[in-house]
C-alpha atoms as a PDB file:
ATOM      1  CA  UNK A   1       0.000   0.000   0.000  1.00  0.00           C
ATOM      2  CA  UNK A   2       1.293   3.467  -0.888  1.00  0.00           C
ATOM      3  CA  UNK A   3       0.811   6.160   1.736  1.00  0.00           C
ATOM      4  CA  UNK A   4       0.443   9.700   0.442  1.00  0.00           C
ATOM      5  CA  UNK A   5       1.653  12.465   2.727  1.00  0.00           C
ATOM      6  CA  UNK A   6      -0.720  15.393   3.333  1.00  0.00           C
ATOM      7  CA  UNK A   7      -0.042  18.485   1.227  1.00  0.00           C
ATOM      8  CA  UNK A   8       0.945  20.892   4.002  1.00  0.00           C
ATOM      9  CA  UNK A   9       1.688  23.637   1.469  1.00  0.00           C
ATOM     10  CA  UNK A  10      -1.778  23.696  -0.088  1.00  0.00           C
ATOM     11  CA  UNK A  11      -2.898  26.434   2.296  1.00  0.00           C
ATOM     12  CA  UNK A  12      -0.352  28.778   0.758  1.00  0.00           C
ATOM     13  CA  UNK A  13      -0.634  27.807  -2.909  1.00  0.00           C
ATOM     14  CA  UNK A  14      -1.120  30.754  -5.237  1.00  0.00           C
ATOM     15  CA  UNK A  15      -0.581  33.226  -2.397  1.00  0.00           C
ATOM     16  CA  UNK A  16       2.055  35.961  -2.229  1.00  0.00           C
ATOM     17  CA  UNK A  17       1.174  37.477   1.153  1.00  0.00           C
ATOM     18  CA  UNK A  18       1.695  35.614   4.410  1.00  0.00           C
ATOM     19  CA  UNK A  19       0.793  36.411   7.996  1.00  0.00           C
ATOM     20  CA  UNK A  20       3.272  38.028  10.409  1.00  0.00           C
ATOM     21  CA  UNK A  21       3.982  35.910  13.484  1.00  0.00           C
ATOM     22  CA  UNK A  22       3.718  38.776  16.007  1.00  0.00           C
ATOM     23  CA  UNK A  23       4.209  42.512  16.405  1.00  0.00           C
ATOM     24  CA  UNK A  24       7.794  42.019  17.587  1.00  0.00           C
ATOM     25  CA  UNK A  25       8.648  40.293  14.325  1.00  0.00           C
ATOM     26  CA  UNK A  26       6.909  43.069  12.419  1.00  0.00           C
ATOM     27  CA  UNK A  27       8.994  45.709  14.225  1.00  0.00           C
ATOM     28  CA  UNK A  28      12.213  43.880  13.397  1.00  0.00           C
ATOM     29  CA  UNK A  29      11.298  43.531   9.739  1.00  0.00           C
ATOM     30  CA  UNK A  30      10.714  47.285   9.645  1.00  0.00           C
ATOM     31  CA  UNK A  31      14.223  47.944  10.939  1.00  0.00           C
ATOM     32  CA  UNK A  32      13.885  47.667  14.716  1.00  0.00           C
ATOM     33  CA  UNK A  33      17.108  46.882  16.590  1.00  0.00           C
ATOM     34  CA  UNK A  34      15.626  44.584  19.260  1.00  0.00           C
ATOM     35  CA  UNK A  35      16.587  41.325  17.542  1.00  0.00           C
ATOM     36  CA  UNK A  36      18.870  39.482  19.971  1.00  0.00           C
ATOM     37  CA  UNK A  37      16.598  38.665  22.926  1.00  0.00           C
ATOM     38  CA  UNK A  38      13.047  40.010  22.828  1.00  0.00           C
ATOM     39  CA  UNK A  39      12.062  39.271  26.403  1.00  0.00           C
ATOM     40  CA  UNK A  40      11.056  42.359  28.368  1.00  0.00           C
ATOM     41  CA  UNK A  41       9.469  45.664  27.358  1.00  0.00           C
ATOM     42  CA  UNK A  42      11.788  48.280  25.879  1.00  0.00           C
ATOM     43  CA  UNK A  43      11.907  51.502  27.920  1.00  0.00           C
ATOM     44  CA  UNK A  44      14.919  53.122  26.235  1.00  0.00           C
ATOM     45  CA  UNK A  45      17.194  52.421  23.298  1.00  0.00           C
ATOM     46  CA  UNK A  46      19.827  54.079  21.148  1.00  0.00           C
ATOM     47  CA  UNK A  47      21.188  53.065  17.748  1.00  0.00           C
ATOM     48  CA  UNK A  48      23.398  56.199  17.472  1.00  0.00           C
ATOM     49  CA  UNK A  49      21.892  57.201  14.152  1.00  0.00           C
ATOM     50  CA  UNK A  50      21.325  60.729  15.459  1.00  0.00           C
ATOM     51  CA  UNK A  51      24.712  61.134  17.188  1.00  0.00           C
ATOM     52  CA  UNK A  52      25.856  60.728  20.779  1.00  0.00           C
ATOM     53  CA  UNK A  53      24.195  63.792  22.318  1.00  0.00           C
ATOM     54  CA  UNK A  54      22.186  61.566  24.681  1.00  0.00           C
ATOM     55  CA  UNK A  55      25.426  60.645  26.425  1.00  0.00           C
ATOM     56  CA  UNK A  56      27.973  62.165  28.764  1.00  0.00           C
ATOM     57  CA  UNK A  57      31.545  61.296  27.796  1.00  0.00           C
ATOM     58  CA  UNK A  58      35.008  61.380  29.320  1.00  0.00           C
ATOM     59  CA  UNK A  59      38.378  59.697  29.421  1.00  0.00           C
ATOM     60  CA  UNK A  60      42.043  59.885  30.312  1.00  0.00           C
ATOM     61  CA  UNK A  61      45.283  59.886  28.392  1.00  0.00           C
ATOM     62  CA  UNK A  62      46.605  61.148  25.085  1.00  0.00           C
ATOM     63  CA  UNK A  63      44.172  60.679  22.211  1.00  0.00           C
ATOM     64  CA  UNK A  64      41.164  59.519  24.234  1.00  0.00           C
ATOM     65  CA  UNK A  65      37.830  60.327  22.578  1.00  0.00           C
ATOM     66  CA  UNK A  66      34.184  59.328  22.261  1.00  0.00           C
ATOM     67  CA  UNK A  67      32.676  60.137  18.871  1.00  0.00           C
ATOM     68  CA  UNK A  68      29.844  59.182  16.570  1.00  0.00           C
ATOM     69  CA  UNK A  69      31.215  56.977  13.800  1.00  0.00           C
ATOM     70  CA  UNK A  70      30.068  55.649  10.434  1.00  0.00           C
ATOM     71  CA  UNK A  71      33.080  53.320  10.139  1.00  0.00           C
ATOM     72  CA  UNK A  72      31.299  50.335  11.678  1.00  0.00           C
ATOM     73  CA  UNK A  73      27.864  49.495  13.034  1.00  0.00           C
ATOM     74  CA  UNK A  74      25.819  46.539  14.197  1.00  0.00           C
ATOM     75  CA  UNK A  75      22.799  47.733  12.234  1.00  0.00           C
ATOM     76  CA  UNK A  76      22.028  50.788  10.123  1.00  0.00           C
ATOM     77  CA  UNK A  77      24.864  53.258   9.557  1.00  0.00           C
ATOM     78  CA  UNK A  78      26.419  54.552  12.786  1.00  0.00           C
ATOM     79  CA  UNK A  79      27.773  53.611  16.206  1.00  0.00           C
ATOM     80  CA  UNK A  80      29.633  55.140  19.131  1.00  0.00           C
ATOM     81  CA  UNK A  81      33.414  54.932  18.828  1.00  0.00           C
ATOM     82  CA  UNK A  82      35.410  54.878  22.072  1.00  0.00           C
ATOM     83  CA  UNK A  83      39.149  55.461  21.689  1.00  0.00           C
ATOM     84  CA  UNK A  84      41.258  54.921  24.789  1.00  0.00           C
ATOM     85  CA  UNK A  85      44.097  57.184  25.852  1.00  0.00           C
ATOM     86  CA  UNK A  86      47.619  55.959  25.192  1.00  0.00           C
ATOM     87  CA  UNK A  87      48.929  57.440  28.472  1.00  0.00           C
ATOM     88  CA  UNK A  88      47.673  57.875  32.025  1.00  0.00           C
ATOM     89  CA  UNK A  89      44.708  55.677  32.895  1.00  0.00           C
ATOM     90  CA  UNK A  90      44.306  54.541  29.244  1.00  0.00           C
ATOM     91  CA  UNK A  91      40.513  54.851  29.225  1.00  0.00           C
ATOM     92  CA  UNK A  92      37.484  56.239  27.439  1.00  0.00           C
ATOM     93  CA  UNK A  93      33.975  56.421  28.915  1.00  0.00           C
ATOM     94  CA  UNK A  94      30.339  57.061  28.076  1.00  0.00           C
ATOM     95  CA  UNK A  95      27.452  57.239  30.531  1.00  0.00           C
ATOM     96  CA  UNK A  96      23.898  58.513  30.882  1.00  0.00           C
ATOM     97  CA  UNK A  97      21.145  58.995  33.473  1.00  0.00           C
ATOM     98  CA  UNK A  98      17.385  58.506  33.177  1.00  0.00           C
ATOM     99  CA  UNK A  99      14.321  58.651  35.443  1.00  0.00           C
ATOM    100  CA  UNK A 100      13.805  55.675  37.725  1.00  0.00           C
ATOM    101  CA  UNK A 101      11.511  52.996  36.209  1.00  0.00           C
ATOM    102  CA  UNK A 102       9.254  50.663  38.169  1.00  0.00           C
ATOM    103  CA  UNK A 103      11.697  48.396  39.963  1.00  0.00           C
ATOM    104  CA  UNK A 104      11.747  44.782  38.896  1.00  0.00           C
ATOM    105  CA  UNK A 105      13.714  42.720  36.423  1.00  0.00           C
ATOM    106  CA  UNK A 106      15.554  45.184  34.190  1.00  0.00           C
ATOM    107  CA  UNK A 107      17.590  44.181  31.148  1.00  0.00           C
ATOM    108  CA  UNK A 108      20.618  45.880  29.689  1.00  0.00           C
ATOM    109  CA  UNK A 109      21.825  44.918  26.210  1.00  0.00           C
ATOM    110  CA  UNK A 110      24.448  46.302  23.849  1.00  0.00           C
ATOM    111  CA  UNK A 111      26.632  45.246  20.936  1.00  0.00           C
ATOM    112  CA  UNK A 112      30.358  45.910  20.763  1.00  0.00           C
ATOM    113  CA  UNK A 113      33.704  45.261  19.138  1.00  0.00           C
ATOM    114  CA  UNK A 114      37.187  45.811  20.435  1.00  0.00           C
ATOM    115  CA  UNK A 115      40.703  45.353  19.185  1.00  0.00           C
ATOM    116  CA  UNK A 116      43.659  43.424  20.578  1.00  0.00           C
ATOM    117  CA  UNK A 117      45.058  46.542  22.296  1.00  0.00           C
ATOM    118  CA  UNK A 118      42.032  46.710  24.621  1.00  0.00           C
ATOM    119  CA  UNK A 119      42.659  45.453  28.146  1.00  0.00           C
ATOM    120  CA  UNK A 120      39.036  45.416  29.340  1.00  0.00           C
ATOM    121  CA  UNK A 121      35.564  46.868  29.059  1.00  0.00           C
ATOM    122  CA  UNK A 122      33.671  47.558  32.283  1.00  0.00           C
ATOM    123  CA  UNK A 123      29.923  48.108  32.328  1.00  0.00           C
ATOM    124  CA  UNK A 124      27.893  49.290  35.333  1.00  0.00           C
ATOM    125  CA  UNK A 125      24.117  49.432  35.630  1.00  0.00           C
ATOM    126  CA  UNK A 126      23.026  51.465  38.650  1.00  0.00           C
ATOM    127  CA  UNK A 127      19.610  51.903  40.243  1.00  0.00           C
ATOM    128  CA  UNK A 128      19.465  54.703  42.802  1.00  0.00           C
ATOM    129  CA  UNK A 129      16.237  54.516  44.827  1.00  0.00           C
ATOM    130  CA  UNK A 130      16.213  56.916  47.726  1.00  0.00           C
ATOM    131  CA  UNK A 131      19.074  56.091  50.078  1.00  0.00           C
ATOM    132  CA  UNK A 132      20.008  52.837  48.348  1.00  0.00           C
ATOM    133  CA  UNK A 133      22.204  52.307  45.302  1.00  0.00           C
ATOM    134  CA  UNK A 134      22.046  48.845  43.771  1.00  0.00           C
ATOM    135  CA  UNK A 135      24.743  48.033  41.270  1.00  0.00           C
ATOM    136  CA  UNK A 136      25.118  45.336  38.619  1.00  0.00           C
ATOM    137  CA  UNK A 137      28.475  45.209  36.880  1.00  0.00           C
ATOM    138  CA  UNK A 138      30.327  43.273  34.186  1.00  0.00           C
ATOM    139  CA  UNK A 139      33.988  43.194  33.219  1.00  0.00           C
ATOM    140  CA  UNK A 140      34.890  41.951  29.744  1.00  0.00           C
ATOM    141  CA  UNK A 141      38.487  41.027  30.446  1.00  0.00           C
ATOM    142  CA  UNK A 142      40.529  40.692  27.260  1.00  0.00           C
ATOM    143  CA  UNK A 143      43.809  40.195  29.109  1.00  0.00           C
ATOM    144  CA  UNK A 144      42.604  37.068  30.933  1.00  0.00           C
ATOM    145  CA  UNK A 145      39.938  35.858  28.458  1.00  0.00           C
ATOM    146  CA  UNK A 146      37.039  35.981  30.897  1.00  0.00           C
ATOM    147  CA  UNK A 147      33.823  37.766  31.868  1.00  0.00           C
ATOM    148  CA  UNK A 148      33.425  38.740  35.495  1.00  0.00           C
ATOM    149  CA  UNK A 149      30.524  40.126  37.549  1.00  0.00           C
ATOM    150  CA  UNK A 150      30.668  42.664  40.380  1.00  0.00           C
ATOM    151  CA  UNK A 151      29.659  40.956  43.636  1.00  0.00           C
ATOM    152  CA  UNK A 152      27.845  42.295  46.707  1.00  0.00           C
ATOM    153  CA  UNK A 153      31.165  42.973  48.487  1.00  0.00           C
ATOM    154  CA  UNK A 154      32.558  45.103  45.687  1.00  0.00           C
ATOM    155  CA  UNK A 155      34.898  42.500  44.165  1.00  0.00           C
ATOM    156  CA  UNK A 156      35.089  41.012  40.679  1.00  0.00           C
ATOM    157  CA  UNK A 157      34.237  37.307  40.395  1.00  0.00           C
ATOM    158  CA  UNK A 158      34.671  34.979  37.418  1.00  0.00           C
ATOM    159  CA  UNK A 159      31.476  34.132  35.550  1.00  0.00           C
ATOM    160  CA  UNK A 160      32.743  32.859  32.173  1.00  0.00           C
ATOM    161  CA  UNK A 161      36.315  31.775  31.513  1.00  0.00           C
ATOM    162  CA  UNK A 162      38.264  30.753  28.415  1.00  0.00           C
ATOM    163  CA  UNK A 163      36.315  33.325  26.413  1.00  0.00           C
ATOM    164  CA  UNK A 164      37.469  33.557  22.813  1.00  0.00           C
ATOM    165  CA  UNK A 165      37.454  37.241  21.867  1.00  0.00           C
ATOM    166  CA  UNK A 166      37.288  38.060  18.187  1.00  0.00           C
ATOM    167  CA  UNK A 167      39.153  41.157  17.056  1.00  0.00           C
ATOM    168  CA  UNK A 168      37.642  42.744  13.976  1.00  0.00           C
ATOM    169  CA  UNK A 169      36.214  46.183  13.314  1.00  0.00           C
ATOM    170  CA  UNK A 170      32.999  44.752  11.877  1.00  0.00           C
ATOM    171  CA  UNK A 171      32.623  41.659  14.074  1.00  0.00           C
ATOM    172  CA  UNK A 172      30.080  42.817  16.654  1.00  0.00           C
ATOM    173  CA  UNK A 173      29.161  40.649  19.622  1.00  0.00           C
ATOM    174  CA  UNK A 174      25.985  41.216  21.640  1.00  0.00           C
ATOM    175  CA  UNK A 175      25.650  40.845  25.389  1.00  0.00           C
ATOM    176  CA  UNK A 176      22.618  41.189  27.659  1.00  0.00           C
ATOM    177  CA  UNK A 177      22.568  41.371  31.439  1.00  0.00           C
ATOM    178  CA  UNK A 178      19.321  41.080  33.426  1.00  0.00           C
ATOM    179  CA  UNK A 179      19.112  41.985  37.113  1.00  0.00           C
ATOM    180  CA  UNK A 180      16.175  41.863  39.538  1.00  0.00           C
ATOM    181  CA  UNK A 181      16.088  45.238  41.286  1.00  0.00           C
ATOM    182  CA  UNK A 182      12.976  44.284  43.265  1.00  0.00           C
ATOM    183  CA  UNK A 183      14.836  41.460  45.028  1.00  0.00           C
ATOM    184  CA  UNK A 184      18.343  42.896  44.436  1.00  0.00           C
ATOM    185  CA  UNK A 185      19.900  39.913  42.715  1.00  0.00           C
ATOM    186  CA  UNK A 186      21.371  39.234  39.318  1.00  0.00           C
ATOM    187  CA  UNK A 187      19.110  37.254  36.986  1.00  0.00           C
ATOM    188  CA  UNK A 188      21.003  36.072  33.880  1.00  0.00           C
ATOM    189  CA  UNK A 189      23.667  36.883  31.331  1.00  0.00           C
ATOM    190  CA  UNK A 190      23.352  36.141  27.627  1.00  0.00           C
ATOM    191  CA  UNK A 191      26.556  36.339  25.608  1.00  0.00           C
ATOM    192  CA  UNK A 192      26.708  35.145  22.013  1.00  0.00           C
ATOM    193  CA  UNK A 193      24.886  31.793  22.080  1.00  0.00           C
ATOM    194  CA  UNK A 194      25.209  31.094  25.829  1.00  0.00           C
ATOM    195  CA  UNK A 195      22.804  31.977  28.650  1.00  0.00           C
ATOM    196  CA  UNK A 196      24.119  31.839  32.238  1.00  0.00           C
ATOM    197  CA  UNK A 197      21.916  31.702  35.338  1.00  0.00           C
ATOM    198  CA  UNK A 198      22.990  34.362  37.877  1.00  0.00           C
ATOM    199  CA  UNK A 199      20.088  34.213  40.338  1.00  0.00           C
ATOM    200  CA  UNK A 200      22.349  33.068  43.186  1.00  0.00           C
ATOM    201  CA  UNK A 201      24.362  36.309  43.108  1.00  0.00           C
ATOM    202  CA  UNK A 202      23.187  39.359  45.118  1.00  0.00           C
ATOM    203  CA  UNK A 203      23.766  42.884  43.845  1.00  0.00           C
ATOM    204  CA  UNK A 204      26.144  45.378  45.396  1.00  0.00           C
ATOM    205  CA  UNK A 205      24.395  47.906  47.674  1.00  0.00           C
ATOM    206  CA  UNK A 206      25.758  51.312  48.701  1.00  0.00           C
ATOM    207  CA  UNK A 207      24.451  54.697  49.839  1.00  0.00           C
ATOM    208  CA  UNK A 208      22.892  56.797  47.076  1.00  0.00           C
ATOM    209  CA  UNK A 209      22.734  60.328  48.558  1.00  0.00           C
ATOM    210  CA  UNK A 210      18.904  60.438  48.285  1.00  0.00           C
ATOM    211  CA  UNK A 211      18.852  60.238  44.477  1.00  0.00           C
ATOM    212  CA  UNK A 212      16.306  58.453  42.303  1.00  0.00           C
ATOM    213  CA  UNK A 213      17.439  57.431  38.817  1.00  0.00           C
ATOM    214  CA  UNK A 214      19.059  54.657  36.851  1.00  0.00           C
ATOM    215  CA  UNK A 215      22.434  54.968  35.158  1.00  0.00           C
ATOM    216  CA  UNK A 216      24.340  53.125  32.464  1.00  0.00           C
ATOM    217  CA  UNK A 217      28.131  53.441  32.316  1.00  0.00           C
ATOM    218  CA  UNK A 218      30.733  51.891  30.022  1.00  0.00           C
ATOM    219  CA  UNK A 219      34.482  52.336  30.375  1.00  0.00           C
ATOM    220  CA  UNK A 220      37.049  50.972  27.944  1.00  0.00           C
ATOM    221  CA  UNK A 221      40.625  50.566  29.157  1.00  0.00           C
ATOM    222  CA  UNK A 222      43.484  50.187  26.702  1.00  0.00           C
ATOM    223  CA  UNK A 223      47.161  49.443  27.080  1.00  0.00           C
ATOM    224  CA  UNK A 224      50.255  51.601  27.398  1.00  0.00           C
ATOM    225  CA  UNK A 225      51.185  53.418  24.216  1.00  0.00           C
ATOM    226  CA  UNK A 226      48.091  52.336  22.274  1.00  0.00           C
ATOM    227  CA  UNK A 227      44.854  54.041  21.308  1.00  0.00           C
ATOM    228  CA  UNK A 228      42.588  51.006  21.460  1.00  0.00           C
ATOM    229  CA  UNK A 229      39.172  51.270  19.802  1.00  0.00           C
ATOM    230  CA  UNK A 230      35.774  49.926  20.844  1.00  0.00           C
ATOM    231  CA  UNK A 231      32.596  50.393  18.803  1.00  0.00           C
ATOM    232  CA  UNK A 232      29.311  50.322  20.755  1.00  0.00           C
ATOM    233  CA  UNK A 233      25.905  50.036  19.114  1.00  0.00           C
ATOM    234  CA  UNK A 234      22.262  49.186  19.818  1.00  0.00           C
ATOM    235  CA  UNK A 235      21.971  49.899  23.537  1.00  0.00           C
ATOM    236  CA  UNK A 236      18.629  48.582  24.774  1.00  0.00           C
ATOM    237  CA  UNK A 237      17.135  48.908  28.286  1.00  0.00           C
ATOM    238  CA  UNK A 238      14.113  46.772  29.152  1.00  0.00           C
ATOM    239  CA  UNK A 239      11.747  46.231  32.065  1.00  0.00           C
ATOM    240  CA  UNK A 240       9.317  43.417  32.949  1.00  0.00           C
ATOM    241  CA  UNK A 241      11.888  40.772  32.040  1.00  0.00           C
ATOM    242  CA  UNK A 242      10.732  37.199  32.556  1.00  0.00           C
END
């Protein structure tokens, strides 16, 4: 006996228009940058297409700079270019402040590149709520091929080791950190194709001088005598992470 398989494609025969799976997929197809991990509701994002005027900048050493660049980008046509100083503290920084959201599970995502002259990239995500400052932090350590998190005692602890960094101007990697600011613990880290559970790690707490806001801070540190370059693109802040 010959068994004939059902014609699963018959529904779409002679059709040129198909349904969109959801509104998130529709947004991405129209050029939205939230493509890496769509959990959470976006409360702020920046693709640097209209410059870097949303950001405060700083740095140390000869040649340090933070500029808008069309040399490389994760999507569209521009990114932020951080060039470290070749003397002094060898760093370059960008940071911004925004009004305090409803506290809960907040996500922080960005895409980046860096070259072989970069020693490390440090990222801090602060929530200042009254007299408390809760801090989530990551160190992307090129020198020792690892990613570390900032613990509740103010020390760096290994999270991922034997990380293979890829040095190329156009080879962006994306990383997303989620922290629970209602219960003051880390939640998870997603880097490339790996998700790491961080729920066992409490956040760092310090006095906040009666301020109410959240802050995002990135600092690139180079090496002596070199102006290392990091491109940053597609910064996305989310709330209501699951």
